[in-house]
Amino acid sequence: MPVSDAETSLDAAIVARLKRTPDGLVAAIVQEHGTGEVLMLAWMDAEALHRTLTTGRATYWSRSRQEYWVKGATSGHHQSVRRVALDCDGDALLVTVEQTGAACHTGAHNCFSDELPVSALEAR
């Protein structure tokens, strides 16, 4: 279970700005520094965000394993954090990283390789 707001060391002013899902998570969009390529989407709670900001290593909450994970801890495909921004509504984070190796668990550089057809484009 994610750490409660009372247990996290994240600044209370930042915690107050986060608009989270009922299970306490906020979407973290991960972007590659330099290219701007969107690599993946992951989930953070206040504690994962605190760990990310204080260590410079991307730390997420795994919904399937119900535990924190540092990207690359087992795969070697690390994410060194260069910037973290909170969107204007407080419901998403943009994490800009230096990616080492693949970002996707499938081995692909990013997690967005399955393009879907947009029928409106055909009508133009």
C-alpha atoms as a PDB file:
ATOM      1  CA  MET A   1       0.000   0.000   0.000  1.00  0.00           C
ATOM      2  CA  PRO A   2       1.329   3.473  -0.829  1.00  0.00           C
ATOM      3  CA  VAL A   3       2.677   5.613   1.997  1.00  0.00           C
ATOM      4  CA  SER A   4       0.089   7.945   3.519  1.00  0.00           C
ATOM      5  CA  ASP A   5       0.383  11.724   3.227  1.00  0.00           C
ATOM      6  CA  ALA A   6       1.256  11.865   6.928  1.00  0.00           C
ATOM      7  CA  GLU A   7       4.141   9.419   6.438  1.00  0.00           C
ATOM      8  CA  THR A   8       5.755  11.010   3.388  1.00  0.00           C
ATOM      9  CA  SER A   9       8.566  13.544   3.590  1.00  0.00           C
ATOM     10  CA  LEU A  10       7.319  15.404   0.501  1.00  0.00           C
ATOM     11  CA  ASP A  11       6.693  19.086   1.140  1.00  0.00           C
ATOM     12  CA  ALA A  12       3.101  19.539   2.351  1.00  0.00           C
ATOM     13  CA  ALA A  13       2.508  22.372  -0.133  1.00  0.00           C
ATOM     14  CA  ILE A  14       3.301  20.023  -3.026  1.00  0.00           C
ATOM     15  CA  VAL A  15       1.177  17.234  -1.532  1.00  0.00           C
ATOM     16  CA  ALA A  16      -1.747  19.656  -1.298  1.00  0.00           C
ATOM     17  CA  ARG A  17      -1.466  20.492  -5.017  1.00  0.00           C
ATOM     18  CA  LEU A  18      -1.616  16.852  -6.164  1.00  0.00           C
ATOM     19  CA  LYS A  19      -5.032  15.754  -7.432  1.00  0.00           C
ATOM     20  CA  ARG A  20      -4.872  12.002  -7.177  1.00  0.00           C
ATOM     21  CA  THR A  21      -6.934   8.985  -8.090  1.00  0.00           C
ATOM     22  CA  PRO A  22      -8.967   7.359  -5.298  1.00  0.00           C
ATOM     23  CA  ASP A  23      -5.993   5.059  -4.616  1.00  0.00           C
ATOM     24  CA  GLY A  24      -3.702   8.074  -4.095  1.00  0.00           C
ATOM     25  CA  LEU A  25      -1.857   8.073  -7.419  1.00  0.00           C
ATOM     26  CA  VAL A  26      -1.037  10.706 -10.007  1.00  0.00           C
ATOM     27  CA  ALA A  27      -0.072  10.005 -13.617  1.00  0.00           C
ATOM     28  CA  ALA A  28       3.606  10.552 -14.437  1.00  0.00           C
ATOM     29  CA  ILE A  29       4.296  11.160 -18.116  1.00  0.00           C
ATOM     30  CA  VAL A  30       7.941  10.371 -18.809  1.00  0.00           C
ATOM     31  CA  GLN A  31       9.723  12.327 -21.525  1.00  0.00           C
ATOM     32  CA  GLU A  32      13.266  11.950 -22.832  1.00  0.00           C
ATOM     33  CA  HIS A  33      15.540  14.914 -22.202  1.00  0.00           C
ATOM     34  CA  GLY A  34      16.937  16.364 -25.417  1.00  0.00           C
ATOM     35  CA  THR A  35      14.548  14.724 -27.895  1.00  0.00           C
ATOM     36  CA  GLY A  36      11.242  15.412 -26.133  1.00  0.00           C
ATOM     37  CA  GLU A  37      10.064  11.893 -27.026  1.00  0.00           C
ATOM     38  CA  VAL A  38       7.342  10.560 -24.716  1.00  0.00           C
ATOM     39  CA  LEU A  39       8.705   7.308 -23.337  1.00  0.00           C
ATOM     40  CA  MET A  40       6.082   5.944 -20.969  1.00  0.00           C
ATOM     41  CA  LEU A  41       3.337   6.568 -18.456  1.00  0.00           C
ATOM     42  CA  ALA A  42       3.751   5.446 -14.873  1.00  0.00           C
ATOM     43  CA  TRP A  43       2.128   6.198 -11.527  1.00  0.00           C
ATOM     44  CA  MET A  44       3.424   8.041  -8.479  1.00  0.00           C
ATOM     45  CA  ASP A  45       2.103   8.766  -5.053  1.00  0.00           C
ATOM     46  CA  ALA A  46       3.511  11.530  -2.833  1.00  0.00           C
ATOM     47  CA  GLU A  47       6.280   9.265  -1.516  1.00  0.00           C
ATOM     48  CA  ALA A  48       7.386   8.118  -4.981  1.00  0.00           C
ATOM     49  CA  LEU A  49       7.536  11.766  -6.027  1.00  0.00           C
ATOM     50  CA  HIS A  50       9.576  12.600  -2.912  1.00  0.00           C
ATOM     51  CA  ARG A  51      12.016   9.767  -3.645  1.00  0.00           C
ATOM     52  CA  THR A  52      12.313  10.881  -7.268  1.00  0.00           C
ATOM     53  CA  LEU A  53      12.994  14.502  -6.336  1.00  0.00           C
ATOM     54  CA  THR A  54      15.537  13.672  -3.642  1.00  0.00           C
ATOM     55  CA  THR A  55      17.478  10.871  -5.371  1.00  0.00           C
ATOM     56  CA  GLY A  56      17.321  11.953  -9.017  1.00  0.00           C
ATOM     57  CA  ARG A  57      16.291   8.404  -9.927  1.00  0.00           C
ATOM     58  CA  ALA A  58      12.778   7.850 -11.270  1.00  0.00           C
ATOM     59  CA  THR A  59      10.721   6.022  -8.649  1.00  0.00           C
ATOM     60  CA  TYR A  60       7.173   4.846  -9.319  1.00  0.00           C
ATOM     61  CA  TRP A  61       4.347   2.944  -7.633  1.00  0.00           C
ATOM     62  CA  SER A  62       3.641  -0.404  -9.273  1.00  0.00           C
ATOM     63  CA  ARG A  63      -0.096  -0.995  -9.270  1.00  0.00           C
ATOM     64  CA  SER A  64       0.357  -4.672 -10.180  1.00  0.00           C
ATOM     65  CA  ARG A  65       3.050  -5.458  -7.584  1.00  0.00           C
ATOM     66  CA  GLN A  66       1.781  -2.951  -5.014  1.00  0.00           C
ATOM     67  CA  GLU A  67       5.274  -1.658  -4.273  1.00  0.00           C
ATOM     68  CA  TYR A  68       7.689   1.123  -5.138  1.00  0.00           C
ATOM     69  CA  TRP A  69      10.138   0.504  -7.953  1.00  0.00           C
ATOM     70  CA  VAL A  70      13.127   2.448  -9.150  1.00  0.00           C
ATOM     71  CA  LYS A  71      13.232   2.353 -12.934  1.00  0.00           C
ATOM     72  CA  GLY A  72      16.218   0.248 -13.953  1.00  0.00           C
ATOM     73  CA  ALA A  73      16.866  -1.385 -10.570  1.00  0.00           C
ATOM     74  CA  THR A  74      16.506  -4.848 -12.089  1.00  0.00           C
ATOM     75  CA  SER A  75      16.750  -4.165 -15.840  1.00  0.00           C
ATOM     76  CA  GLY A  76      19.641  -1.709 -15.845  1.00  0.00           C
ATOM     77  CA  HIS A  77      17.518   0.657 -17.974  1.00  0.00           C
ATOM     78  CA  HIS A  78      17.804   3.624 -15.629  1.00  0.00           C
ATOM     79  CA  GLN A  79      16.123   6.989 -15.777  1.00  0.00           C
ATOM     80  CA  SER A  80      18.173   9.901 -14.451  1.00  0.00           C
ATOM     81  CA  VAL A  81      15.748  12.692 -13.670  1.00  0.00           C
ATOM     82  CA  ARG A  82      16.517  16.110 -15.133  1.00  0.00           C
ATOM     83  CA  ARG A  83      13.230  17.907 -14.443  1.00  0.00           C
ATOM     84  CA  VAL A  84       9.838  17.316 -12.850  1.00  0.00           C
ATOM     85  CA  ALA A  85       6.870  19.591 -13.532  1.00  0.00           C
ATOM     86  CA  LEU A  86       3.339  19.521 -12.154  1.00  0.00           C
ATOM     87  CA  ASP A  87       0.605  20.422 -14.624  1.00  0.00           C
ATOM     88  CA  CYS A  88      -1.682  23.389 -14.022  1.00  0.00           C
ATOM     89  CA  ASP A  89      -4.481  21.248 -12.551  1.00  0.00           C
ATOM     90  CA  GLY A  90      -2.187  19.167 -10.335  1.00  0.00           C
ATOM     91  CA  ASP A  91      -3.375  15.883 -11.842  1.00  0.00           C
ATOM     92  CA  ALA A  92      -0.312  14.907 -13.887  1.00  0.00           C
ATOM     93  CA  LEU A  93       3.459  15.104 -13.646  1.00  0.00           C
ATOM     94  CA  LEU A  94       5.915  15.514 -16.487  1.00  0.00           C
ATOM     95  CA  VAL A  95       9.162  13.737 -15.640  1.00  0.00           C
ATOM     96  CA  THR A  96      12.025  14.561 -17.995  1.00  0.00           C
ATOM     97  CA  VAL A  97      14.789  11.953 -17.906  1.00  0.00           C
ATOM     98  CA  GLU A  98      18.047  10.811 -19.428  1.00  0.00           C
ATOM     99  CA  GLN A  99      17.061   7.283 -20.471  1.00  0.00           C
ATOM    100  CA  THR A 100      19.618   4.469 -20.403  1.00  0.00           C
ATOM    101  CA  GLY A 101      18.438   1.541 -22.521  1.00  0.00           C
ATOM    102  CA  ALA A 102      14.796   0.756 -23.184  1.00  0.00           C
ATOM    103  CA  ALA A 103      12.041   2.587 -21.321  1.00  0.00           C
ATOM    104  CA  CYS A 104       9.398  -0.069 -22.037  1.00  0.00           C
ATOM    105  CA  HIS A 105       9.310  -3.448 -20.296  1.00  0.00           C
ATOM    106  CA  THR A 106       8.948  -5.012 -23.768  1.00  0.00           C
ATOM    107  CA  GLY A 107      12.443  -3.854 -24.671  1.00  0.00           C
ATOM    108  CA  ALA A 108      11.241  -1.038 -26.941  1.00  0.00           C
ATOM    109  CA  HIS A 109      12.709   2.431 -26.536  1.00  0.00           C
ATOM    110  CA  ASN A 110       9.256   3.802 -25.676  1.00  0.00           C
ATOM    111  CA  CYS A 111       5.892   2.318 -24.754  1.00  0.00           C
ATOM    112  CA  PHE A 112       3.929   3.961 -27.576  1.00  0.00           C
ATOM    113  CA  SER A 113       4.676   1.832 -30.618  1.00  0.00           C
ATOM    114  CA  ASP A 114       1.153   0.520 -31.314  1.00  0.00           C
ATOM    115  CA  GLU A 115      -0.341   3.245 -33.491  1.00  0.00           C
ATOM    116  CA  LEU A 116      -4.100   3.216 -33.916  1.00  0.00           C
ATOM    117  CA  PRO A 117      -5.827   4.328 -37.130  1.00  0.00           C
ATOM    118  CA  VAL A 118      -7.414   7.759 -37.036  1.00  0.00           C
ATOM    119  CA  SER A 119     -10.290   7.646 -39.523  1.00  0.00           C
ATOM    120  CA  ALA A 120     -10.702  11.421 -39.527  1.00  0.00           C
ATOM    121  CA  LEU A 121      -7.313  11.682 -41.255  1.00  0.00           C
ATOM    122  CA  GLU A 122      -8.595   9.589 -44.165  1.00  0.00           C
ATOM    123  CA  ALA A 123     -11.495  11.997 -44.756  1.00  0.00           C
ATOM    124  CA  ARG A 124      -9.205  14.969 -45.402  1.00  0.00           C
END
